[in-house]
PDB file of all heavy atoms in Angstrom:
ATOM      1  N   GLY A   1      22.132  76.226  -7.117  1.00  0.00           N
ATOM      2  CA  GLY A   1      21.915  74.809  -6.912  1.00  0.00           C
ATOM      3  C   GLY A   1      20.679  74.337  -7.447  1.00  0.00           C
ATOM      4  O   GLY A   1      20.172  74.835  -8.480  1.00  0.00           O
ATOM      5  N   MET A   2      20.106  73.262  -6.955  1.00  0.00           N
ATOM      6  CA  MET A   2      18.860  72.635  -7.383  1.00  0.00           C
ATOM      7  C   MET A   2      17.987  72.537  -6.245  1.00  0.00           C
ATOM      8  O   MET A   2      18.259  72.161  -5.160  1.00  0.00           O
ATOM      9  CB  MET A   2      19.162  71.121  -7.910  1.00  0.00           C
ATOM     10  CG  MET A   2      17.974  70.495  -8.420  1.00  0.00           C
ATOM     11  SD  MET A   2      18.240  68.746  -8.996  1.00  0.00           S
ATOM     12  CE  MET A   2      19.226  69.139 -10.521  1.00  0.00           C
ATOM     13  N   PHE A   3      16.717  72.998  -6.529  1.00  0.00           N
ATOM     14  CA  PHE A   3      15.743  73.158  -5.436  1.00  0.00           C
ATOM     15  C   PHE A   3      14.369  72.631  -5.976  1.00  0.00           C
ATOM     16  O   PHE A   3      14.024  72.824  -7.193  1.00  0.00           O
ATOM     17  CB  PHE A   3      15.628  74.678  -5.114  1.00  0.00           C
ATOM     18  CG  PHE A   3      16.990  75.290  -4.836  1.00  0.00           C
ATOM     19  CD1 PHE A   3      17.599  75.943  -5.813  1.00  0.00           C
ATOM     20  CD2 PHE A   3      17.542  75.144  -3.510  1.00  0.00           C
ATOM     21  CE1 PHE A   3      18.866  76.542  -5.551  1.00  0.00           C
ATOM     22  CE2 PHE A   3      18.777  75.799  -3.255  1.00  0.00           C
ATOM     23  CZ  PHE A   3      19.455  76.434  -4.320  1.00  0.00           C
ATOM     24  N   ARG A   4      13.561  72.189  -5.055  1.00  0.00           N
ATOM     25  CA  ARG A   4      12.176  71.917  -5.318  1.00  0.00           C
ATOM     26  C   ARG A   4      11.366  73.265  -5.466  1.00  0.00           C
ATOM     27  O   ARG A   4      11.800  74.277  -4.888  1.00  0.00           O
ATOM     28  CB  ARG A   4      11.534  71.045  -4.230  1.00  0.00           C
ATOM     29  CG  ARG A   4      11.985  69.574  -4.293  1.00  0.00           C
ATOM     30  CD  ARG A   4      11.133  68.725  -3.379  1.00  0.00           C
ATOM     31  NE  ARG A   4      11.479  67.378  -3.505  1.00  0.00           N
ATOM     32  CZ  ARG A   4      12.295  66.679  -2.676  1.00  0.00           C
ATOM     33  NH1 ARG A   4      12.888  67.364  -1.738  1.00  0.00           N
ATOM     34  NH2 ARG A   4      12.623  65.362  -2.906  1.00  0.00           N
ATOM     35  N   ILE A   5      10.292  73.224  -6.296  1.00  0.00           N
ATOM     36  CA  ILE A   5       9.480  74.347  -6.373  1.00  0.00           C
ATOM     37  C   ILE A   5       8.334  74.189  -5.518  1.00  0.00           C
ATOM     38  O   ILE A   5       7.617  73.101  -5.453  1.00  0.00           O
ATOM     39  CB  ILE A   5       8.955  74.452  -7.923  1.00  0.00           C
ATOM     40  CG1 ILE A   5      10.225  74.969  -8.761  1.00  0.00           C
ATOM     41  CG2 ILE A   5       7.874  75.425  -7.984  1.00  0.00           C
ATOM     42  CD1 ILE A   5       9.908  74.922 -10.195  1.00  0.00           C
ATOM     43  N   GLY A   6       8.016  75.132  -4.711  1.00  0.00           N
ATOM     44  CA  GLY A   6       7.013  75.007  -3.640  1.00  0.00           C
ATOM     45  C   GLY A   6       5.633  75.735  -3.973  1.00  0.00           C
ATOM     46  O   GLY A   6       5.267  75.774  -5.180  1.00  0.00           O
ATOM     47  N   THR A   7       5.032  76.291  -3.155  1.00  0.00           N
ATOM     48  CA  THR A   7       3.715  76.938  -3.257  1.00  0.00           C
ATOM     49  C   THR A   7       3.774  78.164  -4.100  1.00  0.00           C
ATOM     50  O   THR A   7       4.639  78.946  -3.988  1.00  0.00           O
ATOM     51  CB  THR A   7       3.160  77.221  -1.810  1.00  0.00           C
ATOM     52  OG1 THR A   7       3.031  76.025  -1.125  1.00  0.00           O
ATOM     53  CG2 THR A   7       1.757  77.862  -1.894  1.00  0.00           C
ATOM     54  N   ALA A   8       2.809  78.384  -4.921  1.00  0.00           N
ATOM     55  CA  ALA A   8       2.631  79.650  -5.633  1.00  0.00           C
ATOM     56  C   ALA A   8       1.855  80.575  -4.678  1.00  0.00           C
ATOM     57  O   ALA A   8       1.104  80.134  -3.759  1.00  0.00           O
ATOM     58  CB  ALA A   8       1.795  79.403  -6.873  1.00  0.00           C
ATOM     59  N   PHE A   9       2.034  81.866  -4.895  1.00  0.00           N
ATOM     60  CA  PHE A   9       1.353  82.942  -4.016  1.00  0.00           C
ATOM     61  C   PHE A   9       1.080  84.092  -4.748  1.00  0.00           C
ATOM     62  O   PHE A   9       1.565  84.256  -5.958  1.00  0.00           O
ATOM     63  CB  PHE A   9       2.292  83.200  -2.751  1.00  0.00           C
ATOM     64  CG  PHE A   9       3.603  83.809  -3.206  1.00  0.00           C
ATOM     65  CD1 PHE A   9       3.703  85.150  -3.529  1.00  0.00           C
ATOM     66  CD2 PHE A   9       4.748  82.994  -3.213  1.00  0.00           C
ATOM     67  CE1 PHE A   9       5.006  85.699  -3.855  1.00  0.00           C
ATOM     68  CE2 PHE A   9       5.948  83.510  -3.650  1.00  0.00           C
ATOM     69  CZ  PHE A   9       6.103  84.899  -3.857  1.00  0.00           C
ATOM     70  N   GLY A  10       0.283  85.046  -4.247  1.00  0.00           N
ATOM     71  CA  GLY A  10      -0.074  86.208  -4.940  1.00  0.00           C
ATOM     72  C   GLY A  10      -1.156  87.097  -4.174  1.00  0.00           C
ATOM     73  O   GLY A  10      -1.523  86.744  -3.123  1.00  0.00           O
ATOM     74  N   TYR A  11      -1.363  88.101  -4.863  1.00  0.00           N
ATOM     75  CA  TYR A  11      -2.457  89.032  -4.313  1.00  0.00           C
ATOM     76  C   TYR A  11      -3.827  88.738  -4.555  1.00  0.00           C
ATOM     77  O   TYR A  11      -4.750  89.030  -3.783  1.00  0.00           O
ATOM     78  CB  TYR A  11      -2.214  90.462  -4.871  1.00  0.00           C
ATOM     79  CG  TYR A  11      -0.772  91.060  -4.462  1.00  0.00           C
ATOM     80  CD1 TYR A  11      -0.433  92.235  -5.109  1.00  0.00           C
ATOM     81  CD2 TYR A  11       0.058  90.514  -3.603  1.00  0.00           C
ATOM     82  CE1 TYR A  11       0.792  92.783  -4.883  1.00  0.00           C
ATOM     83  CE2 TYR A  11       1.259  91.093  -3.300  1.00  0.00           C
ATOM     84  CZ  TYR A  11       1.590  92.306  -3.986  1.00  0.00           C
ATOM     85  OH  TYR A  11       2.832  92.903  -3.672  1.00  0.00           O
ATOM     86  N   ALA A  12      -4.042  87.961  -5.662  1.00  0.00           N
ATOM     87  CA  ALA A  12      -5.406  87.607  -6.158  1.00  0.00           C
ATOM     88  C   ALA A  12      -5.910  86.395  -5.247  1.00  0.00           C
ATOM     89  O   ALA A  12      -5.124  85.661  -4.721  1.00  0.00           O
ATOM     90  CB  ALA A  12      -5.423  87.273  -7.559  1.00  0.00           C
ATOM     91  N   ASP A  13      -7.197  86.197  -5.287  1.00  0.00           N
ATOM     92  CA  ASP A  13      -7.796  85.075  -4.536  1.00  0.00           C
ATOM     93  C   ASP A  13      -7.402  83.772  -5.166  1.00  0.00           C
ATOM     94  O   ASP A  13      -7.363  82.741  -4.519  1.00  0.00           O
ATOM     95  CB  ASP A  13      -9.305  85.196  -4.509  1.00  0.00           C
ATOM     96  CG  ASP A  13      -9.797  86.331  -3.544  1.00  0.00           C
ATOM     97  OD1 ASP A  13      -9.051  86.741  -2.731  1.00  0.00           O
ATOM     98  OD2 ASP A  13     -10.888  86.840  -3.738  1.00  0.00           O
ATOM     99  N   ASP A  14      -7.243  83.786  -6.473  1.00  0.00           N
ATOM    100  CA  ASP A  14      -6.914  82.617  -7.191  1.00  0.00           C
ATOM    101  C   ASP A  14      -6.141  82.919  -8.467  1.00  0.00           C
ATOM    102  O   ASP A  14      -6.249  84.097  -9.014  1.00  0.00           O
ATOM    103  CB  ASP A  14      -8.092  81.798  -7.627  1.00  0.00           C
ATOM    104  CG  ASP A  14      -7.850  80.400  -7.954  1.00  0.00           C
ATOM    105  OD1 ASP A  14      -6.798  79.871  -7.778  1.00  0.00           O
ATOM    106  OD2 ASP A  14      -8.767  79.698  -8.550  1.00  0.00           O
ATOM    107  N   VAL A  15      -5.324  82.101  -8.994  1.00  0.00           N
ATOM    108  CA  VAL A  15      -4.525  82.278 -10.266  1.00  0.00           C
ATOM    109  C   VAL A  15      -4.663  80.998 -11.077  1.00  0.00           C
ATOM    110  O   VAL A  15      -4.933  79.930 -10.540  1.00  0.00           O
ATOM    111  CB  VAL A  15      -3.128  82.664 -10.017  1.00  0.00           C
ATOM    112  CG1 VAL A  15      -3.007  83.945  -9.318  1.00  0.00           C
ATOM    113  CG2 VAL A  15      -2.341  81.524  -9.294  1.00  0.00           C
ATOM    114  N   ALA A  16      -4.262  81.084 -12.404  1.00  0.00           N
ATOM    115  CA  ALA A  16      -4.397  79.954 -13.277  1.00  0.00           C
ATOM    116  C   ALA A  16      -2.987  79.111 -13.119  1.00  0.00           C
ATOM    117  O   ALA A  16      -2.022  79.291 -13.817  1.00  0.00           O
ATOM    118  CB  ALA A  16      -4.480  80.363 -14.696  1.00  0.00           C
ATOM    119  N   THR A  17      -3.018  78.200 -12.157  1.00  0.00           N
ATOM    120  CA  THR A  17      -1.828  77.391 -11.829  1.00  0.00           C
ATOM    121  C   THR A  17      -2.427  76.061 -11.299  1.00  0.00           C
ATOM    122  O   THR A  17      -3.353  76.061 -10.511  1.00  0.00           O
ATOM    123  CB  THR A  17      -0.885  78.001 -10.988  1.00  0.00           C
ATOM    124  OG1 THR A  17       0.307  77.139 -10.940  1.00  0.00           O
ATOM    125  CG2 THR A  17      -1.326  78.307  -9.638  1.00  0.00           C
ATOM    126  N   ALA A  18      -1.692  74.890 -11.512  1.00  0.00           N
ATOM    127  CA  ALA A  18      -1.932  73.669 -10.830  1.00  0.00           C
ATOM    128  C   ALA A  18      -1.214  73.607  -9.617  1.00  0.00           C
ATOM    129  O   ALA A  18      -1.428  72.619  -8.794  1.00  0.00           O
ATOM    130  CB  ALA A  18      -1.574  72.477 -11.819  1.00  0.00           C
ATOM    131  N   LEU A  19      -0.208  74.470  -9.314  1.00  0.00           N
ATOM    132  CA  LEU A  19       0.572  74.419  -8.039  1.00  0.00           C
ATOM    133  C   LEU A  19      -0.316  74.731  -6.904  1.00  0.00           C
ATOM    134  O   LEU A  19      -1.254  75.482  -7.194  1.00  0.00           O
ATOM    135  CB  LEU A  19       1.696  75.463  -8.080  1.00  0.00           C
ATOM    136  CG  LEU A  19       2.837  75.212  -9.101  1.00  0.00           C
ATOM    137  CD1 LEU A  19       3.782  76.490  -8.992  1.00  0.00           C
ATOM    138  CD2 LEU A  19       3.614  74.003  -8.769  1.00  0.00           C
ATOM    139  N   PRO A  20      -0.103  74.300  -5.677  1.00  0.00           N
ATOM    140  CA  PRO A  20      -0.838  74.744  -4.577  1.00  0.00           C
ATOM    141  C   PRO A  20      -0.666  76.348  -4.485  1.00  0.00           C
ATOM    142  O   PRO A  20       0.436  76.795  -4.726  1.00  0.00           O
ATOM    143  CB  PRO A  20      -0.135  73.993  -3.382  1.00  0.00           C
ATOM    144  CG  PRO A  20       1.161  73.556  -3.875  1.00  0.00           C
ATOM    145  CD  PRO A  20       0.964  73.335  -5.362  1.00  0.00           C
ATOM    146  N   TYR A  21      -1.697  77.004  -4.244  1.00  0.00           N
ATOM    147  CA  TYR A  21      -1.755  78.418  -4.250  1.00  0.00           C
ATOM    148  C   TYR A  21      -2.195  79.046  -2.946  1.00  0.00           C
ATOM    149  O   TYR A  21      -3.157  78.582  -2.259  1.00  0.00           O
ATOM    150  CB  TYR A  21      -2.597  78.972  -5.365  1.00  0.00           C
ATOM    151  CG  TYR A  21      -2.691  80.537  -5.527  1.00  0.00           C
ATOM    152  CD1 TYR A  21      -1.608  81.221  -5.981  1.00  0.00           C
ATOM    153  CD2 TYR A  21      -3.803  81.115  -4.989  1.00  0.00           C
ATOM    154  CE1 TYR A  21      -1.751  82.597  -6.008  1.00  0.00           C
ATOM    155  CE2 TYR A  21      -3.895  82.565  -4.970  1.00  0.00           C
ATOM    156  CZ  TYR A  21      -2.796  83.237  -5.593  1.00  0.00           C
ATOM    157  OH  TYR A  21      -2.898  84.649  -5.578  1.00  0.00           O
ATOM    158  N   ALA A  22      -1.484  80.056  -2.469  1.00  0.00           N
ATOM    159  CA  ALA A  22      -1.821  80.778  -1.230  1.00  0.00           C
ATOM    160  C   ALA A  22      -2.085  82.209  -1.645  1.00  0.00           C
ATOM    161  O   ALA A  22      -1.093  82.915  -2.003  1.00  0.00           O
ATOM    162  CB  ALA A  22      -0.710  80.596  -0.222  1.00  0.00           C
ATOM    163  N   ALA A  23      -3.289  82.662  -1.329  1.00  0.00           N
ATOM    164  CA  ALA A  23      -3.563  84.189  -1.451  1.00  0.00           C
ATOM    165  C   ALA A  23      -3.082  84.829  -0.209  1.00  0.00           C
ATOM    166  O   ALA A  23      -3.481  84.559   0.928  1.00  0.00           O
ATOM    167  CB  ALA A  23      -5.030  84.275  -1.685  1.00  0.00           C
ATOM    168  N   MET A  24      -2.244  85.798  -0.455  1.00  0.00           N
ATOM    169  CA  MET A  24      -1.575  86.576   0.566  1.00  0.00           C
ATOM    170  C   MET A  24      -2.617  87.663   1.071  1.00  0.00           C
ATOM    171  O   MET A  24      -3.324  88.265   0.247  1.00  0.00           O
ATOM    172  CB  MET A  24      -0.290  87.182   0.100  1.00  0.00           C
ATOM    173  CG  MET A  24       0.728  86.224  -0.258  1.00  0.00           C
ATOM    174  SD  MET A  24       1.479  85.243   1.125  1.00  0.00           S
ATOM    175  CE  MET A  24       0.533  83.698   0.988  1.00  0.00           C
ATOM    176  N   SER A  25      -2.454  87.857   2.398  1.00  0.00           N
ATOM    177  CA  SER A  25      -3.273  89.031   3.043  1.00  0.00           C
ATOM    178  C   SER A  25      -2.304  90.075   3.715  1.00  0.00           C
ATOM    179  O   SER A  25      -1.148  89.773   3.705  1.00  0.00           O
ATOM    180  CB  SER A  25      -4.167  88.441   4.100  1.00  0.00           C
ATOM    181  OG  SER A  25      -3.406  87.977   5.228  1.00  0.00           O
ATOM    182  N   ALA A  26      -2.828  91.069   4.199  1.00  0.00           N
ATOM    183  CA  ALA A  26      -2.051  92.279   4.812  1.00  0.00           C
ATOM    184  C   ALA A  26      -1.214  91.649   5.995  1.00  0.00           C
ATOM    185  O   ALA A  26      -0.235  92.191   6.398  1.00  0.00           O
ATOM    186  CB  ALA A  26      -2.878  93.350   5.167  1.00  0.00           C
ATOM    187  N   SER A  27      -1.686  90.578   6.572  1.00  0.00           N
ATOM    188  CA  SER A  27      -1.038  90.052   7.850  1.00  0.00           C
ATOM    189  C   SER A  27      -0.017  88.969   7.524  1.00  0.00           C
ATOM    190  O   SER A  27       0.548  88.390   8.507  1.00  0.00           O
ATOM    191  CB  SER A  27      -2.102  89.577   8.788  1.00  0.00           C
ATOM    192  OG  SER A  27      -2.901  88.577   8.252  1.00  0.00           O
TER     193      SER A  27
END
């Protein structure tokens, strides 16, 4: 189908993106 694109996420504290970004933690 068709979907909005939401938050970017990853293991690093920051990444090269204009999307809102959430750095993931062990919890």
